[in-house]
Amino acid sequence: MFSLTVQLRVRPEKRSEFLAAMSANGEASVRDEPGCLRFDVCSVDADESRFVLYELYTDAEAFAAHKAAPHFARWRAVAGDFVVEQVNTSGSLLVSHSAEESA
């Protein structure tokens, strides 16, 4: 499985707008992309303008499909209004444990 961790810093005054746009992107990703298995948006306790995303895809091709999706294009069109710093780290899921699995 293809994993992506994204560290973001957004303009503090645009935090609510960022969250609305990112939430719409994540929801559409999981709903409309069969290869998108997870799209989490996490805040950073020490800094309200920092976020960490965790995305999980079946493979690199599913991630490529994500980047070609209409909702991703909508996100990219507005991201510059919010995001001032971004670091993407891709990898492979090796081990996973989740309470969701046993629920």
C-alpha atoms as a PDB file:
ATOM      1  CA  MET A   1       0.000   0.000   0.000  1.00  0.00           C
ATOM      2  CA  PHE A   2       1.094   3.527  -0.812  1.00  0.00           C
ATOM      3  CA  SER A   3       1.169   5.964   2.106  1.00  0.00           C
ATOM      4  CA  LEU A   4       1.565   9.712   2.152  1.00  0.00           C
ATOM      5  CA  THR A   5       2.228  11.970   5.114  1.00  0.00           C
ATOM      6  CA  VAL A   6       1.838  15.689   4.475  1.00  0.00           C
ATOM      7  CA  GLN A   7       2.973  18.368   6.920  1.00  0.00           C
ATOM      8  CA  LEU A   8       1.301  21.720   6.300  1.00  0.00           C
ATOM      9  CA  ARG A   9       1.448  25.200   7.738  1.00  0.00           C
ATOM     10  CA  VAL A  10      -1.444  27.486   6.848  1.00  0.00           C
ATOM     11  CA  ARG A  11      -2.117  31.170   7.278  1.00  0.00           C
ATOM     12  CA  PRO A  12      -3.597  31.443  10.802  1.00  0.00           C
ATOM     13  CA  GLU A  13      -6.403  33.737   9.648  1.00  0.00           C
ATOM     14  CA  LYS A  14      -7.374  31.163   6.973  1.00  0.00           C
ATOM     15  CA  ARG A  15      -7.565  28.143   9.316  1.00  0.00           C
ATOM     16  CA  SER A  16     -11.352  27.672   9.064  1.00  0.00           C
ATOM     17  CA  GLU A  17     -11.358  28.051   5.295  1.00  0.00           C
ATOM     18  CA  PHE A  18      -8.465  25.598   5.006  1.00  0.00           C
ATOM     19  CA  LEU A  19     -10.281  23.023   7.130  1.00  0.00           C
ATOM     20  CA  ALA A  20     -13.469  23.329   5.072  1.00  0.00           C
ATOM     21  CA  ALA A  21     -11.613  22.927   1.774  1.00  0.00           C
ATOM     22  CA  MET A  22      -9.405  20.096   3.039  1.00  0.00           C
ATOM     23  CA  SER A  23     -12.396  18.303   4.543  1.00  0.00           C
ATOM     24  CA  ALA A  24     -14.220  18.457   1.197  1.00  0.00           C
ATOM     25  CA  ASN A  25     -11.134  17.114  -0.590  1.00  0.00           C
ATOM     26  CA  GLY A  26     -10.665  14.262   1.885  1.00  0.00           C
ATOM     27  CA  GLU A  27     -14.347  13.307   1.889  1.00  0.00           C
ATOM     28  CA  ALA A  28     -14.475  13.196  -1.913  1.00  0.00           C
ATOM     29  CA  SER A  29     -11.228  11.230  -2.033  1.00  0.00           C
ATOM     30  CA  VAL A  30     -12.552   8.418   0.158  1.00  0.00           C
ATOM     31  CA  ARG A  31     -16.026   8.516  -1.379  1.00  0.00           C
ATOM     32  CA  ASP A  32     -15.121   8.764  -5.078  1.00  0.00           C
ATOM     33  CA  GLU A  33     -11.760   7.032  -5.382  1.00  0.00           C
ATOM     34  CA  PRO A  34     -11.831   3.246  -4.927  1.00  0.00           C
ATOM     35  CA  GLY A  35      -8.064   3.273  -4.364  1.00  0.00           C
ATOM     36  CA  CYS A  36      -8.149   5.849  -1.542  1.00  0.00           C
ATOM     37  CA  LEU A  37      -8.470   3.898   1.687  1.00  0.00           C
ATOM     38  CA  ARG A  38      -7.844   6.624   4.264  1.00  0.00           C
ATOM     39  CA  PHE A  39      -7.569  10.407   4.412  1.00  0.00           C
ATOM     40  CA  ASP A  40      -6.926  11.809   7.888  1.00  0.00           C
ATOM     41  CA  VAL A  41      -6.431  15.479   8.779  1.00  0.00           C
ATOM     42  CA  CYS A  42      -4.764  16.039  12.151  1.00  0.00           C
ATOM     43  CA  SER A  43      -4.015  19.243  14.023  1.00  0.00           C
ATOM     44  CA  VAL A  44      -0.748  19.914  15.840  1.00  0.00           C
ATOM     45  CA  ASP A  45      -1.356  20.777  19.505  1.00  0.00           C
ATOM     46  CA  ALA A  46       1.421  23.322  19.879  1.00  0.00           C
ATOM     47  CA  ASP A  47       0.529  25.322  16.748  1.00  0.00           C
ATOM     48  CA  GLU A  48      -2.999  25.874  15.412  1.00  0.00           C
ATOM     49  CA  SER A  49      -1.635  26.733  11.978  1.00  0.00           C
ATOM     50  CA  ARG A  50       0.087  23.346  11.512  1.00  0.00           C
ATOM     51  CA  PHE A  51      -1.519  20.144  10.287  1.00  0.00           C
ATOM     52  CA  VAL A  52      -0.509  16.614   9.396  1.00  0.00           C
ATOM     53  CA  LEU A  53      -2.364  14.577   6.781  1.00  0.00           C
ATOM     54  CA  TYR A  54      -2.170  10.814   6.538  1.00  0.00           C
ATOM     55  CA  GLU A  55      -3.371   9.310   3.291  1.00  0.00           C
ATOM     56  CA  LEU A  56      -3.416   5.640   2.358  1.00  0.00           C
ATOM     57  CA  TYR A  57      -3.916   4.273  -1.167  1.00  0.00           C
ATOM     58  CA  THR A  58      -3.968   0.770  -2.584  1.00  0.00           C
ATOM     59  CA  ASP A  59      -0.894   1.586  -4.700  1.00  0.00           C
ATOM     60  CA  ALA A  60       0.998   4.393  -6.421  1.00  0.00           C
ATOM     61  CA  GLU A  61      -1.408   4.259  -9.372  1.00  0.00           C
ATOM     62  CA  ALA A  62      -4.325   4.998  -7.033  1.00  0.00           C
ATOM     63  CA  PHE A  63      -2.424   8.012  -5.727  1.00  0.00           C
ATOM     64  CA  ALA A  64      -1.820   9.168  -9.306  1.00  0.00           C
ATOM     65  CA  ALA A  65      -5.578   8.844  -9.902  1.00  0.00           C
ATOM     66  CA  HIS A  66      -6.151  10.953  -6.785  1.00  0.00           C
ATOM     67  CA  LYS A  67      -3.985  13.736  -8.199  1.00  0.00           C
ATOM     68  CA  ALA A  68      -6.001  13.601 -11.451  1.00  0.00           C
ATOM     69  CA  ALA A  69      -9.416  13.740  -9.712  1.00  0.00           C
ATOM     70  CA  PRO A  70     -11.669  16.797 -10.114  1.00  0.00           C
ATOM     71  CA  HIS A  71     -11.883  17.406  -6.350  1.00  0.00           C
ATOM     72  CA  PHE A  72      -8.079  17.459  -6.139  1.00  0.00           C
ATOM     73  CA  ALA A  73      -8.006  20.087  -8.909  1.00  0.00           C
ATOM     74  CA  ARG A  74     -10.492  22.166  -6.889  1.00  0.00           C
ATOM     75  CA  TRP A  75      -8.267  21.821  -3.817  1.00  0.00           C
ATOM     76  CA  ARG A  76      -5.135  22.831  -5.756  1.00  0.00           C
ATOM     77  CA  ALA A  77      -6.955  25.897  -7.135  1.00  0.00           C
ATOM     78  CA  VAL A  78      -7.489  27.296  -3.612  1.00  0.00           C
ATOM     79  CA  ALA A  79      -4.544  25.789  -1.697  1.00  0.00           C
ATOM     80  CA  GLY A  80      -2.335  28.784  -2.401  1.00  0.00           C
ATOM     81  CA  ASP A  81      -4.769  30.966  -0.469  1.00  0.00           C
ATOM     82  CA  PHE A  82      -4.157  28.929   2.707  1.00  0.00           C
ATOM     83  CA  VAL A  83      -0.928  26.942   2.581  1.00  0.00           C
ATOM     84  CA  VAL A  84       2.402  28.647   3.270  1.00  0.00           C
ATOM     85  CA  GLU A  85       4.526  25.537   3.776  1.00  0.00           C
ATOM     86  CA  GLN A  86       4.130  21.892   2.747  1.00  0.00           C
ATOM     87  CA  VAL A  87       6.324  18.792   3.031  1.00  0.00           C
ATOM     88  CA  ASN A  88       5.162  15.521   1.452  1.00  0.00           C
ATOM     89  CA  THR A  89       6.651  12.182   2.481  1.00  0.00           C
ATOM     90  CA  SER A  90       5.597   9.094   0.562  1.00  0.00           C
ATOM     91  CA  GLY A  91       6.216   5.509   1.546  1.00  0.00           C
ATOM     92  CA  SER A  92       4.706   2.068   1.949  1.00  0.00           C
ATOM     93  CA  LEU A  93       2.507   0.832   4.759  1.00  0.00           C
ATOM     94  CA  LEU A  94       4.374  -2.009   6.453  1.00  0.00           C
ATOM     95  CA  VAL A  95       2.443  -2.644   9.665  1.00  0.00           C
ATOM     96  CA  SER A  96      -0.984  -1.453  10.754  1.00  0.00           C
ATOM     97  CA  HIS A  97      -3.058  -1.901  13.894  1.00  0.00           C
ATOM     98  CA  SER A  98      -6.437  -0.279  14.287  1.00  0.00           C
ATOM     99  CA  ALA A  99      -9.310  -0.425  16.741  1.00  0.00           C
ATOM    100  CA  GLU A 100     -11.566   0.015  13.682  1.00  0.00           C
ATOM    101  CA  GLU A 101     -10.643  -3.503  12.564  1.00  0.00           C
ATOM    102  CA  SER A 102     -11.940  -5.108  15.725  1.00  0.00           C
ATOM    103  CA  ALA A 103     -15.108  -2.995  16.008  1.00  0.00           C
END
